[in-house]
């Protein structure tokens, strides 16, 4: 399996179920296989392999067709939702990645103030809304600091 594809799957693993991960892997592999139409394969390779791009646009994500303009927020949202539908996951959106990153950082012990800076929040209360409290972490912290 392509190394970049493995990285994508690993990043998504924190908020997808095992069944959803298998379905996502299946969809991505199908789209990248030689059986897929050439245009679809080329489009996916463009997004998964930056070295394969032949445009001068400094943007990481560009439109699929020439003139390869910077992909707007709505374009990212549409593609993420389409991918979610392919794996039967209706409530997936780009903001979920941001929330997941913040939650993972807090779960791994990063101080909330540092997460606040990374996210660019002026108020700590906003950052606190991102943090989904993991009950296992609450129990571990209770044992560590109180019990």
N, C-alpha and C. Protein backbone atom coordinates (compact mmCIF):
# COMPACT_ATOMS: atom_id res chain seq x y z
N UNK A 1 0.85 -1.18 0.00
CA UNK A 1 0.00 0.00 0.00
C UNK A 1 0.90 1.24 0.00
N UNK A 2 0.50 2.26 -0.74
CA UNK A 2 1.24 3.50 -0.86
C UNK A 2 1.47 4.11 0.53
N UNK A 3 2.70 4.58 0.77
CA UNK A 3 3.07 5.14 2.08
C UNK A 3 2.22 6.36 2.44
N UNK A 4 1.91 7.20 1.46
CA UNK A 4 1.09 8.38 1.72
C UNK A 4 -0.34 7.98 2.09
N UNK A 5 -0.83 6.94 1.46
CA UNK A 5 -2.17 6.44 1.77
C UNK A 5 -2.22 5.92 3.20
N UNK A 6 -1.18 5.23 3.62
CA UNK A 6 -1.10 4.73 5.00
C UNK A 6 -1.12 5.89 5.98
N UNK A 7 -0.40 6.97 5.67
CA UNK A 7 -0.39 8.15 6.54
C UNK A 7 -1.78 8.76 6.66
N UNK A 8 -2.49 8.85 5.54
CA UNK A 8 -3.85 9.40 5.56
C UNK A 8 -4.75 8.53 6.43
N UNK A 9 -4.67 7.23 6.25
CA UNK A 9 -5.51 6.32 7.03
C UNK A 9 -5.18 6.40 8.52
N UNK A 10 -3.89 6.51 8.85
CA UNK A 10 -3.50 6.60 10.26
C UNK A 10 -4.04 7.88 10.90
N UNK A 11 -4.00 8.99 10.16
CA UNK A 11 -4.52 10.24 10.69
C UNK A 11 -6.03 10.18 10.93
N UNK A 12 -6.73 9.47 10.07
CA UNK A 12 -8.19 9.41 10.19
C UNK A 12 -8.62 8.35 11.21
N UNK A 13 -7.73 7.48 11.61
CA UNK A 13 -8.08 6.36 12.48
C UNK A 13 -8.63 6.79 13.83
N UNK A 14 -8.28 7.98 14.29
CA UNK A 14 -8.71 8.40 15.61
C UNK A 14 -10.19 8.74 15.70
N UNK A 15 -10.83 9.00 14.58
CA UNK A 15 -12.24 9.34 14.69
C UNK A 15 -13.14 8.49 13.81
N UNK A 16 -12.59 7.45 13.20
CA UNK A 16 -13.40 6.52 12.41
C UNK A 16 -13.41 5.17 13.11
N UNK A 17 -14.51 4.46 12.98
CA UNK A 17 -14.59 3.11 13.53
C UNK A 17 -13.78 2.17 12.64
N UNK A 18 -13.53 0.96 13.12
CA UNK A 18 -12.77 -0.02 12.34
C UNK A 18 -13.49 -0.31 11.02
N UNK A 19 -14.80 -0.47 11.08
CA UNK A 19 -15.57 -0.74 9.86
C UNK A 19 -15.45 0.42 8.87
N UNK A 20 -15.53 1.64 9.38
CA UNK A 20 -15.40 2.81 8.52
C UNK A 20 -14.00 2.90 7.93
N UNK A 21 -12.98 2.56 8.72
CA UNK A 21 -11.60 2.57 8.22
C UNK A 21 -11.43 1.55 7.10
N UNK A 22 -11.99 0.36 7.27
CA UNK A 22 -11.88 -0.66 6.22
C UNK A 22 -12.57 -0.20 4.95
N UNK A 23 -13.74 0.41 5.10
CA UNK A 23 -14.47 0.91 3.94
C UNK A 23 -13.69 2.02 3.25
N UNK A 24 -13.12 2.94 4.02
CA UNK A 24 -12.31 4.03 3.46
C UNK A 24 -11.11 3.47 2.71
N UNK A 25 -10.44 2.51 3.32
CA UNK A 25 -9.28 1.89 2.68
C UNK A 25 -9.69 1.24 1.36
N UNK A 26 -10.81 0.56 1.39
CA UNK A 26 -11.32 -0.11 0.18
C UNK A 26 -11.60 0.91 -0.93
N UNK A 27 -12.26 2.01 -0.57
CA UNK A 27 -12.59 3.04 -1.55
C UNK A 27 -11.33 3.68 -2.12
N UNK A 28 -10.39 4.03 -1.24
CA UNK A 28 -9.16 4.67 -1.72
C UNK A 28 -8.35 3.74 -2.60
N UNK A 29 -8.23 2.49 -2.19
CA UNK A 29 -7.47 1.54 -3.01
C UNK A 29 -8.13 1.31 -4.36
N UNK A 30 -9.45 1.24 -4.36
CA UNK A 30 -10.17 1.06 -5.62
C UNK A 30 -9.92 2.24 -6.55
N UNK A 31 -9.97 3.44 -5.99
CA UNK A 31 -9.75 4.64 -6.81
C UNK A 31 -8.33 4.73 -7.33
N UNK A 32 -7.39 4.15 -6.62
CA UNK A 32 -5.99 4.23 -7.05
C UNK A 32 -5.55 3.03 -7.88
N UNK A 33 -6.40 2.03 -7.97
CA UNK A 33 -6.01 0.81 -8.69
C UNK A 33 -5.97 1.04 -10.19
N UNK A 34 -5.31 0.16 -10.88
CA UNK A 34 -5.21 0.29 -12.33
C UNK A 34 -6.54 0.03 -13.01
N UNK A 35 -7.50 -0.55 -12.29
CA UNK A 35 -8.82 -0.81 -12.87
C UNK A 35 -9.66 0.46 -12.95
N UNK A 36 -9.30 1.47 -12.15
CA UNK A 36 -10.07 2.71 -12.16
C UNK A 36 -9.81 3.46 -13.46
N UNK A 37 -10.77 4.25 -13.92
CA UNK A 37 -10.54 5.04 -15.13
C UNK A 37 -9.31 5.93 -14.98
N UNK A 38 -8.60 6.15 -16.06
CA UNK A 38 -7.34 6.89 -16.01
C UNK A 38 -7.51 8.29 -15.41
N UNK A 39 -8.58 9.02 -15.76
CA UNK A 39 -8.77 10.37 -15.25
C UNK A 39 -8.94 10.36 -13.73
N UNK A 40 -9.71 9.43 -13.21
CA UNK A 40 -9.92 9.35 -11.76
C UNK A 40 -8.61 9.02 -11.06
N UNK A 41 -7.86 8.10 -11.61
CA UNK A 41 -6.58 7.73 -11.00
C UNK A 41 -5.65 8.94 -10.98
N UNK A 42 -5.57 9.65 -12.08
CA UNK A 42 -4.71 10.82 -12.15
C UNK A 42 -5.13 11.87 -11.13
N UNK A 43 -6.43 12.09 -10.98
CA UNK A 43 -6.92 13.07 -10.02
C UNK A 43 -6.54 12.69 -8.60
N UNK A 44 -6.73 11.44 -8.24
CA UNK A 44 -6.38 10.99 -6.89
C UNK A 44 -4.87 11.06 -6.67
N UNK A 45 -4.09 10.68 -7.66
CA UNK A 45 -2.64 10.74 -7.51
C UNK A 45 -2.18 12.18 -7.30
N UNK A 46 -2.85 13.12 -7.96
CA UNK A 46 -2.48 14.53 -7.80
C UNK A 46 -2.63 14.94 -6.34
N UNK A 47 -3.69 14.48 -5.68
CA UNK A 47 -3.90 14.85 -4.29
C UNK A 47 -3.04 14.06 -3.33
N UNK A 48 -2.70 12.83 -3.68
CA UNK A 48 -1.94 11.99 -2.76
C UNK A 48 -0.44 12.08 -2.97
N UNK A 49 0.01 12.54 -4.12
CA UNK A 49 1.44 12.59 -4.41
C UNK A 49 1.78 13.97 -4.96
N UNK A 50 2.25 14.84 -4.11
CA UNK A 50 2.54 16.22 -4.49
C UNK A 50 3.59 16.26 -5.60
N UNK A 51 4.53 15.33 -5.60
CA UNK A 51 5.57 15.33 -6.63
C UNK A 51 5.03 15.08 -8.02
N UNK A 52 3.83 14.56 -8.13
CA UNK A 52 3.25 14.27 -9.44
C UNK A 52 2.62 15.50 -10.08
N UNK A 53 2.52 16.59 -9.34
CA UNK A 53 1.90 17.80 -9.89
C UNK A 53 2.81 18.49 -10.88
N UNK A 54 2.19 19.07 -11.90
CA UNK A 54 2.95 19.75 -12.94
C UNK A 54 2.47 21.19 -13.13
N UNK A 55 2.03 21.82 -12.05
CA UNK A 55 1.58 23.20 -12.14
C UNK A 55 2.47 24.06 -11.24
N UNK A 56 2.35 25.36 -11.39
CA UNK A 56 3.17 26.29 -10.61
C UNK A 56 2.43 26.88 -9.42
N UNK A 57 1.24 26.38 -9.14
CA UNK A 57 0.45 26.93 -8.05
C UNK A 57 1.07 26.52 -6.72
N UNK A 58 1.34 27.48 -5.82
CA UNK A 58 1.95 27.15 -4.53
C UNK A 58 0.97 26.49 -3.55
N UNK A 59 -0.31 26.47 -3.89
CA UNK A 59 -1.33 25.89 -3.00
C UNK A 59 -1.14 24.38 -2.90
N UNK A 60 -1.40 23.83 -1.72
CA UNK A 60 -1.32 22.39 -1.52
C UNK A 60 -2.44 21.68 -2.27
N UNK A 61 -3.65 22.22 -2.20
CA UNK A 61 -4.80 21.61 -2.85
C UNK A 61 -5.28 22.51 -3.98
N UNK A 62 -5.39 21.95 -5.17
CA UNK A 62 -5.84 22.70 -6.34
C UNK A 62 -7.03 21.99 -6.97
N UNK A 63 -7.69 22.70 -7.90
CA UNK A 63 -8.79 22.09 -8.63
C UNK A 63 -8.26 20.95 -9.49
N UNK A 64 -9.14 20.05 -9.89
CA UNK A 64 -8.72 18.87 -10.64
C UNK A 64 -8.34 19.18 -12.08
N UNK A 65 -8.91 20.24 -12.64
CA UNK A 65 -8.68 20.56 -14.04
C UNK A 65 -7.92 21.87 -14.18
N UNK A 66 -7.27 22.04 -15.33
CA UNK A 66 -6.57 23.30 -15.64
C UNK A 66 -7.57 24.44 -15.53
N UNK A 67 -7.20 25.57 -15.03
CA UNK A 67 -5.85 26.06 -14.78
C UNK A 67 -5.32 25.74 -13.38
N UNK A 68 -5.85 24.76 -12.69
CA UNK A 68 -5.38 24.30 -11.38
C UNK A 68 -5.32 25.45 -10.38
N UNK A 69 -6.47 26.06 -10.15
CA UNK A 69 -6.58 27.14 -9.18
C UNK A 69 -6.57 26.58 -7.77
N UNK A 70 -6.22 27.45 -6.82
CA UNK A 70 -6.26 27.07 -5.40
C UNK A 70 -7.67 26.60 -5.07
N UNK A 71 -7.77 25.47 -4.39
CA UNK A 71 -9.07 24.94 -4.00
C UNK A 71 -9.65 25.80 -2.89
N UNK A 72 -10.86 26.25 -3.07
CA UNK A 72 -11.52 27.08 -2.07
C UNK A 72 -12.06 26.20 -0.94
N UNK A 73 -12.43 26.83 0.16
CA UNK A 73 -12.95 26.10 1.32
C UNK A 73 -14.11 25.21 0.92
N UNK A 74 -15.01 25.74 0.10
CA UNK A 74 -16.17 24.94 -0.30
C UNK A 74 -15.75 23.70 -1.08
N UNK A 75 -14.67 23.80 -1.86
CA UNK A 75 -14.17 22.64 -2.60
C UNK A 75 -13.66 21.56 -1.68
N UNK A 76 -12.95 21.97 -0.62
CA UNK A 76 -12.46 21.00 0.37
C UNK A 76 -13.64 20.35 1.07
N UNK A 77 -14.62 21.17 1.48
CA UNK A 77 -15.79 20.63 2.18
C UNK A 77 -16.53 19.62 1.31
N UNK A 78 -16.70 19.94 0.04
CA UNK A 78 -17.41 19.04 -0.87
C UNK A 78 -16.67 17.71 -1.00
N UNK A 79 -15.35 17.76 -1.18
CA UNK A 79 -14.58 16.53 -1.36
C UNK A 79 -14.56 15.67 -0.10
N UNK A 80 -14.46 16.31 1.06
CA UNK A 80 -14.47 15.55 2.31
C UNK A 80 -15.83 14.90 2.52
N UNK A 81 -16.90 15.63 2.24
CA UNK A 81 -18.25 15.06 2.38
C UNK A 81 -18.47 13.91 1.41
N UNK A 82 -17.98 14.06 0.16
CA UNK A 82 -18.11 12.98 -0.82
C UNK A 82 -17.39 11.72 -0.33
N UNK A 83 -16.20 11.90 0.21
CA UNK A 83 -15.44 10.77 0.74
C UNK A 83 -16.20 10.14 1.90
N UNK A 84 -16.78 10.96 2.77
CA UNK A 84 -17.58 10.45 3.88
C UNK A 84 -18.76 9.63 3.41
N UNK A 85 -19.43 10.09 2.37
CA UNK A 85 -20.57 9.35 1.83
C UNK A 85 -20.13 8.01 1.26
N UNK A 86 -18.96 7.99 0.62
CA UNK A 86 -18.46 6.73 0.05
C UNK A 86 -18.21 5.68 1.12
N UNK A 87 -17.93 6.13 2.34
CA UNK A 87 -17.70 5.17 3.42
C UNK A 87 -18.89 5.12 4.37
N UNK A 88 -20.03 5.62 3.90
CA UNK A 88 -21.29 5.62 4.67
C UNK A 88 -21.16 6.37 5.98
N UNK A 89 -20.48 7.48 5.95
CA UNK A 89 -20.32 8.33 7.13
C UNK A 89 -20.80 9.72 6.73
N UNK A 90 -22.02 10.05 7.13
CA UNK A 90 -22.65 11.27 6.65
C UNK A 90 -22.16 12.55 7.35
N UNK A 91 -21.75 12.47 8.58
CA UNK A 91 -21.41 13.69 9.31
C UNK A 91 -19.90 13.91 9.40
N UNK A 92 -19.24 13.89 8.26
CA UNK A 92 -17.81 14.16 8.24
C UNK A 92 -17.59 15.47 7.50
N UNK A 93 -16.73 16.30 8.04
CA UNK A 93 -16.45 17.61 7.46
C UNK A 93 -15.04 18.03 7.87
N UNK A 94 -14.43 18.98 7.17
CA UNK A 94 -13.04 19.37 7.47
C UNK A 94 -12.83 19.82 8.91
N UNK A 95 -13.83 20.47 9.49
CA UNK A 95 -13.67 20.97 10.86
C UNK A 95 -13.47 19.83 11.86
N UNK A 96 -13.95 18.65 11.50
CA UNK A 96 -13.80 17.48 12.38
C UNK A 96 -12.31 17.15 12.58
N UNK A 97 -11.49 17.37 11.54
CA UNK A 97 -10.05 17.14 11.66
C UNK A 97 -9.44 18.09 12.69
N UNK A 98 -9.88 19.34 12.68
CA UNK A 98 -9.38 20.34 13.63
C UNK A 98 -9.76 19.95 15.06
N UNK A 99 -11.01 19.55 15.24
CA UNK A 99 -11.46 19.13 16.57
C UNK A 99 -10.70 17.89 17.04
N UNK A 100 -10.50 16.96 16.11
CA UNK A 100 -9.79 15.72 16.45
C UNK A 100 -8.36 16.01 16.87
N UNK A 101 -7.69 16.90 16.13
CA UNK A 101 -6.31 17.27 16.47
C UNK A 101 -6.26 17.87 17.87
N UNK A 102 -7.18 18.79 18.17
CA UNK A 102 -7.20 19.43 19.48
C UNK A 102 -7.46 18.42 20.58
N UNK A 103 -8.42 17.54 20.37
CA UNK A 103 -8.75 16.52 21.37
C UNK A 103 -7.57 15.58 21.59
N UNK A 104 -6.93 15.14 20.51
CA UNK A 104 -5.78 14.23 20.63
C UNK A 104 -4.63 14.90 21.40
N UNK A 105 -4.38 16.17 21.09
CA UNK A 105 -3.30 16.89 21.77
C UNK A 105 -3.57 16.97 23.26
N UNK A 106 -4.79 17.29 23.63
CA UNK A 106 -5.16 17.39 25.05
C UNK A 106 -5.08 16.01 25.70
N UNK A 107 -5.58 14.98 25.01
CA UNK A 107 -5.53 13.61 25.55
C UNK A 107 -4.10 13.15 25.79
N UNK A 108 -3.18 13.62 24.97
CA UNK A 108 -1.78 13.21 25.12
C UNK A 108 -1.02 14.08 26.12
N UNK A 109 -1.73 15.03 26.74
CA UNK A 109 -1.12 15.81 27.81
C UNK A 109 -0.67 17.20 27.44
N UNK A 110 -0.94 17.66 26.23
CA UNK A 110 -0.54 19.02 25.86
C UNK A 110 -1.36 20.01 26.67
N UNK A 111 -0.71 20.99 27.28
CA UNK A 111 -1.45 21.99 28.04
C UNK A 111 -2.48 22.71 27.16
N UNK A 112 -3.64 22.95 27.72
CA UNK A 112 -4.74 23.56 26.97
C UNK A 112 -4.35 24.93 26.42
N UNK A 113 -3.46 25.63 27.14
CA UNK A 113 -3.03 26.95 26.67
C UNK A 113 -2.24 26.85 25.36
N UNK A 114 -1.46 25.77 25.22
CA UNK A 114 -0.71 25.57 23.98
C UNK A 114 -1.64 25.19 22.83
N UNK A 115 -2.63 24.37 23.13
CA UNK A 115 -3.62 24.01 22.11
C UNK A 115 -4.35 25.28 21.67
N UNK A 116 -4.67 26.14 22.62
CA UNK A 116 -5.33 27.41 22.31
C UNK A 116 -4.51 28.21 21.31
N UNK A 117 -3.20 28.29 21.53
CA UNK A 117 -2.31 29.04 20.62
C UNK A 117 -2.29 28.42 19.23
N UNK A 118 -2.19 27.09 19.17
CA UNK A 118 -2.15 26.40 17.87
C UNK A 118 -3.42 26.68 17.08
N UNK A 119 -4.56 26.65 17.77
CA UNK A 119 -5.85 26.86 17.11
C UNK A 119 -6.13 28.34 16.82
N UNK A 120 -5.35 29.22 17.45
CA UNK A 120 -5.54 30.65 17.21
C UNK A 120 -6.73 31.24 17.94
N UNK A 121 -7.12 30.63 19.04
CA UNK A 121 -8.25 31.13 19.81
C UNK A 121 -7.79 32.23 20.76
N UNK A 122 -8.56 33.30 20.86
CA UNK A 122 -8.23 34.36 21.81
C UNK A 122 -8.77 34.03 23.20
N UNK A 123 -9.83 33.23 23.26
CA UNK A 123 -10.44 32.85 24.53
C UNK A 123 -10.25 31.36 24.80
N UNK A 124 -9.81 31.02 25.99
CA UNK A 124 -9.60 29.61 26.36
C UNK A 124 -10.93 28.85 26.34
N UNK A 125 -12.03 29.54 26.60
CA UNK A 125 -13.35 28.88 26.58
C UNK A 125 -13.65 28.27 25.21
N UNK A 126 -13.23 28.95 24.16
CA UNK A 126 -13.44 28.43 22.80
C UNK A 126 -12.68 27.12 22.63
N UNK A 127 -11.45 27.09 23.11
CA UNK A 127 -10.63 25.87 23.00
C UNK A 127 -11.25 24.75 23.81
N UNK A 128 -11.79 25.06 24.97
CA UNK A 128 -12.40 24.05 25.83
C UNK A 128 -13.58 23.37 25.13
N UNK A 129 -14.27 24.08 24.26
CA UNK A 129 -15.39 23.49 23.52
C UNK A 129 -14.90 22.44 22.52
N UNK A 130 -13.65 22.56 22.08
CA UNK A 130 -13.09 21.61 21.14
C UNK A 130 -12.71 20.30 21.82
N UNK A 131 -12.34 20.39 23.07
CA UNK A 131 -11.82 19.23 23.78
C UNK A 131 -12.94 18.29 24.19
N UNK A 132 -12.98 17.14 23.57
CA UNK A 132 -13.94 16.11 23.96
C UNK A 132 -13.27 15.32 25.06
N UNK A 133 -13.84 15.36 26.25
CA UNK A 133 -13.21 14.74 27.41
C UNK A 133 -13.29 13.22 27.31
N UNK A 134 -12.14 12.60 27.37
CA UNK A 134 -12.04 11.14 27.33
C UNK A 134 -12.16 10.64 28.77
N UNK A 135 -13.16 9.82 29.04
CA UNK A 135 -13.41 9.34 30.41
C UNK A 135 -12.23 8.55 30.96
N UNK A 136 -11.52 7.82 30.12
CA UNK A 136 -10.34 7.09 30.59
C UNK A 136 -9.28 8.06 31.09
N UNK A 137 -9.12 9.19 30.42
CA UNK A 137 -8.15 10.19 30.87
C UNK A 137 -8.57 10.82 32.19
N UNK A 138 -9.86 10.99 32.37
CA UNK A 138 -10.36 11.54 33.63
C UNK A 138 -10.04 10.58 34.77
N UNK A 139 -10.28 9.28 34.56
CA UNK A 139 -9.99 8.28 35.58
C UNK A 139 -8.49 8.22 35.89
N UNK A 140 -7.67 8.25 34.84
CA UNK A 140 -6.21 8.20 35.03
C UNK A 140 -5.74 9.43 35.80
N UNK A 141 -6.24 10.60 35.44
CA UNK A 141 -5.85 11.83 36.13
C UNK A 141 -6.32 11.82 37.58
N UNK A 142 -7.50 11.27 37.81
CA UNK A 142 -8.01 11.19 39.18
C UNK A 142 -7.08 10.33 40.03
N UNK A 143 -6.71 9.16 39.49
CA UNK A 143 -5.79 8.28 40.22
C UNK A 143 -4.43 8.95 40.45
N UNK A 144 -3.95 9.67 39.44
CA UNK A 144 -2.63 10.29 39.51
C UNK A 144 -2.59 11.46 40.49
N UNK A 145 -3.61 12.30 40.48
CA UNK A 145 -3.55 13.53 41.25
C UNK A 145 -4.36 13.52 42.54
N UNK A 146 -5.37 12.67 42.63
CA UNK A 146 -6.26 12.73 43.80
C UNK A 146 -6.20 11.47 44.64
N UNK A 147 -6.29 10.32 44.02
CA UNK A 147 -6.38 9.06 44.77
C UNK A 147 -5.07 8.67 45.40
